[in-house]
PDB file of N, CA and C in Angstrom:
ATOM      1  N   UNK A   1      22.368 -14.552  13.508  1.00  0.00           N
ATOM      2  CA  UNK A   1      22.211 -13.639  12.390  1.00  0.00           C
ATOM      3  C   UNK A   1      21.476 -12.395  12.884  1.00  0.00           C
ATOM      4  N   UNK A   2      21.979 -11.221  12.571  1.00  0.00           N
ATOM      5  CA  UNK A   2      21.292  -9.997  13.017  1.00  0.00           C
ATOM      6  C   UNK A   2      19.967  -9.805  12.297  1.00  0.00           C
ATOM      7  N   UNK A   3      19.055  -9.155  12.981  1.00  0.00           N
ATOM      8  CA  UNK A   3      17.738  -8.883  12.394  1.00  0.00           C
ATOM      9  C   UNK A   3      17.878  -7.890  11.256  1.00  0.00           C
ATOM     10  N   UNK A   4      16.969  -8.011  10.272  1.00  0.00           N
ATOM     11  CA  UNK A   4      16.957  -7.053   9.165  1.00  0.00           C
ATOM     12  C   UNK A   4      16.509  -5.694   9.690  1.00  0.00           C
ATOM     13  N   UNK A   5      17.057  -4.626   9.142  1.00  0.00           N
ATOM     14  CA  UNK A   5      16.579  -3.305   9.550  1.00  0.00           C
ATOM     15  C   UNK A   5      15.099  -3.159   9.253  1.00  0.00           C
ATOM     16  N   UNK A   6      14.410  -2.466  10.122  1.00  0.00           N
ATOM     17  CA  UNK A   6      12.969  -2.273   9.973  1.00  0.00           C
ATOM     18  C   UNK A   6      12.652  -1.610   8.630  1.00  0.00           C
ATOM     19  N   UNK A   7      11.639  -2.151   7.954  1.00  0.00           N
ATOM     20  CA  UNK A   7      11.182  -1.561   6.706  1.00  0.00           C
ATOM     21  C   UNK A   7      11.966  -1.975   5.479  1.00  0.00           C
ATOM     22  N   UNK A   8      12.883  -2.940   5.615  1.00  0.00           N
ATOM     23  CA  UNK A   8      13.675  -3.330   4.452  1.00  0.00           C
ATOM     24  C   UNK A   8      13.124  -4.567   3.746  1.00  0.00           C
ATOM     25  N   UNK A   9      12.158  -5.216   4.320  1.00  0.00           N
ATOM     26  CA  UNK A   9      11.594  -6.420   3.714  1.00  0.00           C
ATOM     27  C   UNK A   9      10.179  -6.140   3.237  1.00  0.00           C
ATOM     28  N   UNK A  10       9.899  -6.526   2.023  1.00  0.00           N
ATOM     29  CA  UNK A  10       8.582  -6.293   1.438  1.00  0.00           C
ATOM     30  C   UNK A  10       7.702  -7.531   1.601  1.00  0.00           C
ATOM     31  N   UNK A  11       6.396  -7.290   1.692  1.00  0.00           N
ATOM     32  CA  UNK A  11       5.436  -8.396   1.738  1.00  0.00           C
ATOM     33  C   UNK A  11       4.997  -8.832   0.345  1.00  0.00           C
ATOM     34  N   UNK A  12       5.399  -8.112  -0.671  1.00  0.00           N
ATOM     35  CA  UNK A  12       4.919  -8.403  -2.022  1.00  0.00           C
ATOM     36  C   UNK A  12       5.194  -9.851  -2.441  1.00  0.00           C
ATOM     37  N   UNK A  13       6.367 -10.368  -2.117  1.00  0.00           N
ATOM     38  CA  UNK A  13       6.724 -11.722  -2.551  1.00  0.00           C
ATOM     39  C   UNK A  13       5.874 -12.800  -1.891  1.00  0.00           C
ATOM     40  N   UNK A  14       5.468 -12.591  -0.656  1.00  0.00           N
ATOM     41  CA  UNK A  14       4.715 -13.637   0.047  1.00  0.00           C
ATOM     42  C   UNK A  14       3.215 -13.369   0.093  1.00  0.00           C
ATOM     43  N   UNK A  15       2.784 -12.191  -0.308  1.00  0.00           N
ATOM     44  CA  UNK A  15       1.368 -11.823  -0.205  1.00  0.00           C
ATOM     45  C   UNK A  15       0.422 -12.821  -0.866  1.00  0.00           C
ATOM     46  N   UNK A  16       0.715 -13.332  -2.061  1.00  0.00           N
ATOM     47  CA  UNK A  16      -0.228 -14.264  -2.680  1.00  0.00           C
ATOM     48  C   UNK A  16      -0.455 -15.551  -1.879  1.00  0.00           C
ATOM     49  N   UNK A  17       0.464 -15.865  -0.982  1.00  0.00           N
ATOM     50  CA  UNK A  17       0.349 -17.083  -0.175  1.00  0.00           C
ATOM     51  C   UNK A  17      -0.452 -16.865   1.107  1.00  0.00           C
ATOM     52  N   UNK A  18      -0.729 -15.635   1.468  1.00  0.00           N
ATOM     53  CA  UNK A  18      -1.427 -15.333   2.718  1.00  0.00           C
ATOM     54  C   UNK A  18      -2.920 -15.537   2.505  1.00  0.00           C
ATOM     55  N   UNK A  19      -3.486 -16.481   3.190  1.00  0.00           N
ATOM     56  CA  UNK A  19      -4.897 -16.847   3.006  1.00  0.00           C
ATOM     57  C   UNK A  19      -5.814 -16.206   4.046  1.00  0.00           C
ATOM     58  N   UNK A  20      -5.245 -15.608   5.066  1.00  0.00           N
ATOM     59  CA  UNK A  20      -6.021 -14.975   6.133  1.00  0.00           C
ATOM     60  C   UNK A  20      -6.720 -13.728   5.597  1.00  0.00           C
ATOM     61  N   UNK A  21      -8.012 -13.554   5.862  1.00  0.00           N
ATOM     62  CA  UNK A  21      -8.656 -12.290   5.491  1.00  0.00           C
ATOM     63  C   UNK A  21      -7.901 -11.117   6.117  1.00  0.00           C
ATOM     64  N   UNK A  22      -7.647 -10.111   5.315  1.00  0.00           N
ATOM     65  CA  UNK A  22      -6.789  -9.001   5.739  1.00  0.00           C
ATOM     66  C   UNK A  22      -7.460  -7.668   5.448  1.00  0.00           C
ATOM     67  N   UNK A  23      -7.481  -6.809   6.443  1.00  0.00           N
ATOM     68  CA  UNK A  23      -8.008  -5.459   6.287  1.00  0.00           C
ATOM     69  C   UNK A  23      -6.826  -4.509   6.144  1.00  0.00           C
ATOM     70  N   UNK A  24      -6.794  -3.773   5.049  1.00  0.00           N
ATOM     71  CA  UNK A  24      -5.750  -2.786   4.796  1.00  0.00           C
ATOM     72  C   UNK A  24      -6.357  -1.398   4.930  1.00  0.00           C
ATOM     73  N   UNK A  25      -5.683  -0.530   5.636  1.00  0.00           N
ATOM     74  CA  UNK A  25      -6.130   0.856   5.752  1.00  0.00           C
ATOM     75  C   UNK A  25      -5.051   1.785   5.238  1.00  0.00           C
ATOM     76  N   UNK A  26      -5.462   2.808   4.507  1.00  0.00           N
ATOM     77  CA  UNK A  26      -4.522   3.779   3.957  1.00  0.00           C
ATOM     78  C   UNK A  26      -5.127   5.167   4.047  1.00  0.00           C
ATOM     79  N   UNK A  27      -4.339   6.117   4.503  1.00  0.00           N
ATOM     80  CA  UNK A  27      -4.749   7.516   4.502  1.00  0.00           C
ATOM     81  C   UNK A  27      -4.408   8.129   3.158  1.00  0.00           C
ATOM     82  N   UNK A  28      -5.375   8.749   2.503  1.00  0.00           N
ATOM     83  CA  UNK A  28      -5.155   9.218   1.131  1.00  0.00           C
ATOM     84  C   UNK A  28      -4.159  10.373   1.027  1.00  0.00           C
ATOM     85  N   UNK A  29      -3.691  10.870   2.159  1.00  0.00           N
ATOM     86  CA  UNK A  29      -2.654  11.905   2.136  1.00  0.00           C
ATOM     87  C   UNK A  29      -1.288  11.339   2.512  1.00  0.00           C
ATOM     88  N   UNK A  30      -1.174  10.013   2.591  1.00  0.00           N
ATOM     89  CA  UNK A  30       0.090   9.336   2.894  1.00  0.00           C
ATOM     90  C   UNK A  30       0.731   8.919   1.576  1.00  0.00           C
ATOM     91  N   UNK A  31       1.505   9.823   0.999  1.00  0.00           N
ATOM     92  CA  UNK A  31       2.081   9.555  -0.308  1.00  0.00           C
ATOM     93  C   UNK A  31       3.595   9.442  -0.296  1.00  0.00           C
ATOM     94  N   UNK A  32       4.199   9.479   0.861  1.00  0.00           N
ATOM     95  CA  UNK A  32       5.645   9.289   0.934  1.00  0.00           C
ATOM     96  C   UNK A  32       6.022   7.890   0.499  1.00  0.00           C
ATOM     97  N   UNK A  33       7.152   7.774  -0.170  1.00  0.00           N
ATOM     98  CA  UNK A  33       7.682   6.471  -0.617  1.00  0.00           C
ATOM     99  C   UNK A  33       6.663   5.685  -1.445  1.00  0.00           C
ATOM    100  N   UNK A  34       5.835   6.403  -2.197  1.00  0.00           N
ATOM    101  CA  UNK A  34       4.810   5.760  -3.043  1.00  0.00           C
ATOM    102  C   UNK A  34       3.888   4.842  -2.249  1.00  0.00           C
ATOM    103  N   UNK A  35       3.534   5.268  -1.043  1.00  0.00           N
ATOM    104  CA  UNK A  35       2.712   4.446  -0.154  1.00  0.00           C
ATOM    105  C   UNK A  35       1.394   4.033  -0.796  1.00  0.00           C
ATOM    106  N   UNK A  36       0.716   4.958  -1.461  1.00  0.00           N
ATOM    107  CA  UNK A  36      -0.564   4.624  -2.083  1.00  0.00           C
ATOM    108  C   UNK A  36      -0.439   3.520  -3.116  1.00  0.00           C
ATOM    109  N   UNK A  37       0.579   3.627  -3.952  1.00  0.00           N
ATOM    110  CA  UNK A  37       0.800   2.591  -4.962  1.00  0.00           C
ATOM    111  C   UNK A  37       1.141   1.256  -4.317  1.00  0.00           C
ATOM    112  N   UNK A  38       1.936   1.306  -3.253  1.00  0.00           N
ATOM    113  CA  UNK A  38       2.325   0.073  -2.567  1.00  0.00           C
ATOM    114  C   UNK A  38       1.151  -0.620  -1.905  1.00  0.00           C
ATOM    115  N   UNK A  39       0.294   0.146  -1.261  1.00  0.00           N
ATOM    116  CA  UNK A  39      -0.889  -0.438  -0.615  1.00  0.00           C
ATOM    117  C   UNK A  39      -1.842  -1.003  -1.665  1.00  0.00           C
ATOM    118  N   UNK A  40      -2.023  -0.300  -2.763  1.00  0.00           N
ATOM    119  CA  UNK A  40      -2.886  -0.796  -3.837  1.00  0.00           C
ATOM    120  C   UNK A  40      -2.328  -2.099  -4.410  1.00  0.00           C
ATOM    121  N   UNK A  41      -1.021  -2.155  -4.574  1.00  0.00           N
ATOM    122  CA  UNK A  41      -0.401  -3.388  -5.087  1.00  0.00           C
ATOM    123  C   UNK A  41      -0.567  -4.535  -4.090  1.00  0.00           C
ATOM    124  N   UNK A  42      -0.342  -4.252  -2.821  1.00  0.00           N
ATOM    125  CA  UNK A  42      -0.516  -5.283  -1.800  1.00  0.00           C
ATOM    126  C   UNK A  42      -1.949  -5.798  -1.789  1.00  0.00           C
ATOM    127  N   UNK A  43      -2.906  -4.890  -1.915  1.00  0.00           N
ATOM    128  CA  UNK A  43      -4.314  -5.278  -1.973  1.00  0.00           C
ATOM    129  C   UNK A  43      -4.575  -6.212  -3.158  1.00  0.00           C
ATOM    130  N   UNK A  44      -3.976  -5.937  -4.285  1.00  0.00           N
ATOM    131  CA  UNK A  44      -4.144  -6.800  -5.461  1.00  0.00           C
ATOM    132  C   UNK A  44      -3.503  -8.165  -5.251  1.00  0.00           C
ATOM    133  N   UNK A  45      -2.376  -8.203  -4.553  1.00  0.00           N
ATOM    134  CA  UNK A  45      -1.646  -9.456  -4.357  1.00  0.00           C
ATOM    135  C   UNK A  45      -2.249 -10.351  -3.280  1.00  0.00           C
ATOM    136  N   UNK A  46      -2.824  -9.747  -2.248  1.00  0.00           N
ATOM    137  CA  UNK A  46      -3.431 -10.541  -1.169  1.00  0.00           C
ATOM    138  C   UNK A  46      -4.755 -11.123  -1.663  1.00  0.00           C
ATOM    139  N   UNK A  47      -4.913 -12.432  -1.632  1.00  0.00           N
ATOM    140  CA  UNK A  47      -6.131 -13.024  -2.199  1.00  0.00           C
ATOM    141  C   UNK A  47      -7.410 -12.724  -1.433  1.00  0.00           C
ATOM    142  N   UNK A  48      -7.301 -12.402  -0.154  1.00  0.00           N
ATOM    143  CA  UNK A  48      -8.494 -12.158   0.672  1.00  0.00           C
ATOM    144  C   UNK A  48      -8.324 -10.854   1.446  1.00  0.00           C
ATOM    145  N   UNK A  49      -8.305  -9.742   0.722  1.00  0.00           N
ATOM    146  CA  UNK A  49      -8.092  -8.467   1.396  1.00  0.00           C
ATOM    147  C   UNK A  49      -9.177  -7.459   1.049  1.00  0.00           C
ATOM    148  N   UNK A  50      -9.322  -6.514   1.947  1.00  0.00           N
ATOM    149  CA  UNK A  50     -10.216  -5.372   1.754  1.00  0.00           C
ATOM    150  C   UNK A  50      -9.391  -4.128   2.019  1.00  0.00           C
ATOM    151  N   UNK A  51      -9.491  -3.148   1.140  1.00  0.00           N
ATOM    152  CA  UNK A  51      -8.770  -1.896   1.302  1.00  0.00           C
ATOM    153  C   UNK A  51      -9.747  -0.790   1.654  1.00  0.00           C
ATOM    154  N   UNK A  52      -9.485  -0.123   2.770  1.00  0.00           N
ATOM    155  CA  UNK A  52     -10.264   1.046   3.175  1.00  0.00           C
ATOM    156  C   UNK A  52      -9.383   2.277   3.052  1.00  0.00           C
ATOM    157  N   UNK A  53      -9.882   3.291   2.374  1.00  0.00           N
ATOM    158  CA  UNK A  53      -9.163   4.544   2.221  1.00  0.00           C
ATOM    159  C   UNK A  53      -9.792   5.576   3.147  1.00  0.00           C
ATOM    160  N   UNK A  54      -8.967   6.150   3.993  1.00  0.00           N
ATOM    161  CA  UNK A  54      -9.427   7.158   4.941  1.00  0.00           C
ATOM    162  C   UNK A  54      -9.081   8.531   4.375  1.00  0.00           C
ATOM    163  N   UNK A  55     -10.103   9.301   4.070  1.00  0.00           N
ATOM    164  CA  UNK A  55      -9.941  10.624   3.460  1.00  0.00           C
ATOM    165  C   UNK A  55      -9.258  11.604   4.416  1.00  0.00           C
ATOM    166  N   UNK A  56      -8.376  12.393   3.853  1.00  0.00           N
ATOM    167  CA  UNK A  56      -7.667  13.457   4.573  1.00  0.00           C
ATOM    168  C   UNK A  56      -6.828  12.942   5.742  1.00  0.00           C
ATOM    169  N   UNK A  57      -6.398  11.693   5.689  1.00  0.00           N
ATOM    170  CA  UNK A  57      -5.529  11.132   6.726  1.00  0.00           C
ATOM    171  C   UNK A  57      -4.163  10.838   6.117  1.00  0.00           C
ATOM    172  N   UNK A  58      -3.164  10.868   6.971  1.00  0.00           N
ATOM    173  CA  UNK A  58      -1.807  10.577   6.519  1.00  0.00           C
ATOM    174  C   UNK A  58      -1.423   9.176   6.988  1.00  0.00           C
ATOM    175  N   UNK A  59      -0.240   9.026   7.567  1.00  0.00           N
ATOM    176  CA  UNK A  59       0.306   7.705   7.877  1.00  0.00           C
ATOM    177  C   UNK A  59      -0.168   7.134   9.215  1.00  0.00           C
ATOM    178  N   UNK A  60      -0.453   7.970  10.167  1.00  0.00           N
ATOM    179  CA  UNK A  60      -0.779   7.504  11.513  1.00  0.00           C
ATOM    180  C   UNK A  60      -2.295   7.450  11.718  1.00  0.00           C
ATOM    181  N   UNK A  61      -2.917   6.451  11.133  1.00  0.00           N
ATOM    182  CA  UNK A  61      -4.383   6.352  11.173  1.00  0.00           C
ATOM    183  C   UNK A  61      -4.920   6.279  12.601  1.00  0.00           C
ATOM    184  N   UNK A  62      -4.245   5.558  13.457  1.00  0.00           N
ATOM    185  CA  UNK A  62      -4.728   5.409  14.840  1.00  0.00           C
ATOM    186  C   UNK A  62      -4.754   6.747  15.578  1.00  0.00           C
ATOM    187  N   UNK A  63      -3.874   7.660  15.213  1.00  0.00           N
ATOM    188  CA  UNK A  63      -3.854   8.986  15.839  1.00  0.00           C
ATOM    189  C   UNK A  63      -4.754   9.978  15.116  1.00  0.00           C
ATOM    190  N   UNK A  64      -4.825   9.866  13.814  1.00  0.00           N
ATOM    191  CA  UNK A  64      -5.536  10.860  13.016  1.00  0.00           C
ATOM    192  C   UNK A  64      -7.029  10.588  12.868  1.00  0.00           C
ATOM    193  N   UNK A  65      -7.404   9.337  12.748  1.00  0.00           N
ATOM    194  CA  UNK A  65      -8.822   8.972  12.560  1.00  0.00           C
ATOM    195  C   UNK A  65      -9.169   7.773  13.460  1.00  0.00           C
ATOM    196  N   UNK A  66      -8.983   7.925  14.783  1.00  0.00           N
ATOM    197  CA  UNK A  66      -9.147   6.767  15.663  1.00  0.00           C
ATOM    198  C   UNK A  66     -10.546   6.164  15.663  1.00  0.00           C
ATOM    199  N   UNK A  67     -11.577   6.983  15.663  1.00  0.00           N
ATOM    200  CA  UNK A  67     -12.939   6.432  15.713  1.00  0.00           C
ATOM    201  C   UNK A  67     -13.310   5.694  14.427  1.00  0.00           C
ATOM    202  N   UNK A  68     -13.113   6.307  13.245  1.00  0.00           N
ATOM    203  CA  UNK A  68     -13.439   5.564  12.021  1.00  0.00           C
ATOM    204  C   UNK A  68     -12.587   4.294  11.861  1.00  0.00           C
ATOM    205  N   UNK A  69     -11.333   4.365  12.254  1.00  0.00           N
ATOM    206  CA  UNK A  69     -10.466   3.187  12.163  1.00  0.00           C
ATOM    207  C   UNK A  69     -10.963   2.085  13.096  1.00  0.00           C
ATOM    208  N   UNK A  70     -11.270   2.441  14.344  1.00  0.00           N
ATOM    209  CA  UNK A  70     -11.766   1.453  15.306  1.00  0.00           C
ATOM    210  C   UNK A  70     -13.077   0.837  14.835  1.00  0.00           C
ATOM    211  N   UNK A  71     -13.957   1.653  14.286  1.00  0.00           N
ATOM    212  CA  UNK A  71     -15.239   1.132  13.782  1.00  0.00           C
ATOM    213  C   UNK A  71     -15.012   0.167  12.621  1.00  0.00           C
ATOM    214  N   UNK A  72     -14.086   0.502  11.739  1.00  0.00           N
ATOM    215  CA  UNK A  72     -13.802  -0.373  10.591  1.00  0.00           C
ATOM    216  C   UNK A  72     -13.214  -1.703  11.042  1.00  0.00           C
ATOM    217  N   UNK A  73     -12.309  -1.653  11.998  1.00  0.00           N
ATOM    218  CA  UNK A  73     -11.703  -2.887  12.508  1.00  0.00           C
ATOM    219  C   UNK A  73     -12.750  -3.731  13.226  1.00  0.00           C
ATOM    220  N   UNK A  74     -13.560  -3.110  14.063  1.00  0.00           N
ATOM    221  CA  UNK A  74     -14.603  -3.856  14.791  1.00  0.00           C
ATOM    222  C   UNK A  74     -15.585  -4.506  13.829  1.00  0.00           C
ATOM    223  N   UNK A  75     -15.985  -3.772  12.796  1.00  0.00           N
ATOM    224  CA  UNK A  75     -16.921  -4.327  11.814  1.00  0.00           C
ATOM    225  C   UNK A  75     -16.282  -5.504  11.080  1.00  0.00           C
ATOM    226  N   UNK A  76     -15.036  -5.363  10.681  1.00  0.00           N
ATOM    227  CA  UNK A  76     -14.325  -6.423   9.959  1.00  0.00           C
ATOM    228  C   UNK A  76     -14.209  -7.679  10.820  1.00  0.00           C
ATOM    229  N   UNK A  77     -13.834  -7.496  12.080  1.00  0.00           N
ATOM    230  CA  UNK A  77     -13.621  -8.643  12.969  1.00  0.00           C
ATOM    231  C   UNK A  77     -14.923  -9.314  13.408  1.00  0.00           C
ATOM    232  N   UNK A  78     -16.029  -8.606  13.317  1.00  0.00           N
ATOM    233  CA  UNK A  78     -17.295  -9.193  13.750  1.00  0.00           C
ATOM    234  C   UNK A  78     -18.099  -9.800  12.594  1.00  0.00           C
ATOM    235  N   UNK A  79     -17.596  -9.685  11.386  1.00  0.00           N
ATOM    236  CA  UNK A  79     -18.300 -10.251  10.234  1.00  0.00           C
ATOM    237  C   UNK A  79     -18.329 -11.767  10.271  1.00  0.00           C
ATOM    238  N   UNK A  80     -19.410 -12.353   9.817  1.00  0.00           N
ATOM    239  CA  UNK A  80     -19.413 -13.807   9.627  1.00  0.00           C
ATOM    240  C   UNK A  80     -18.387 -14.172   8.561  1.00  0.00           C
ATOM    241  N   UNK A  81     -17.819 -15.339   8.655  1.00  0.00           N
ATOM    242  CA  UNK A  81     -16.788 -15.780   7.710  1.00  0.00           C
ATOM    243  C   UNK A  81     -17.271 -15.683   6.263  1.00  0.00           C
ATOM    244  N   UNK A  82     -18.555 -15.910   6.044  1.00  0.00           N
ATOM    245  CA  UNK A  82     -19.083 -15.870   4.678  1.00  0.00           C
ATOM    246  C   UNK A  82     -19.039 -14.484   4.056  1.00  0.00           C
ATOM    247  N   UNK A  83     -18.877 -13.436   4.875  1.00  0.00           N
ATOM    248  CA  UNK A  83     -18.854 -12.067   4.359  1.00  0.00           C
ATOM    249  C   UNK A  83     -17.451 -11.462   4.365  1.00  0.00           C
ATOM    250  N   UNK A  84     -16.454 -12.249   4.745  1.00  0.00           N
ATOM    251  CA  UNK A  84     -15.072 -11.766   4.717  1.00  0.00           C
ATOM    252  C   UNK A  84     -14.528 -11.870   3.304  1.00  0.00           C
ATOM    253  N   UNK A  85     -13.532 -11.013   3.005  1.00  0.00           N
ATOM    254  CA  UNK A  85     -12.968 -11.070   1.649  1.00  0.00           C
ATOM    255  C   UNK A  85     -12.227 -12.370   1.406  1.00  0.00           C
TER     256      UNK A  85
END
């Protein structure tokens, strides 16, 4: 069976089943394809998620805000389990 084209499958249907703590990052200037609404919905559906909004960033967080993104990921990954979402 051929692979699905990239970006055609949504996580919304399976998100409530994902129990892993999840860090979501969104650039507040990334509004194509209703990205902000989609990330907010995913955050609501994931039972153990944290949403970080990066001001004045678009879609490529690793290129646009590398230091704040790296700091957020490092902080999230170094948290004790009791402080994870």
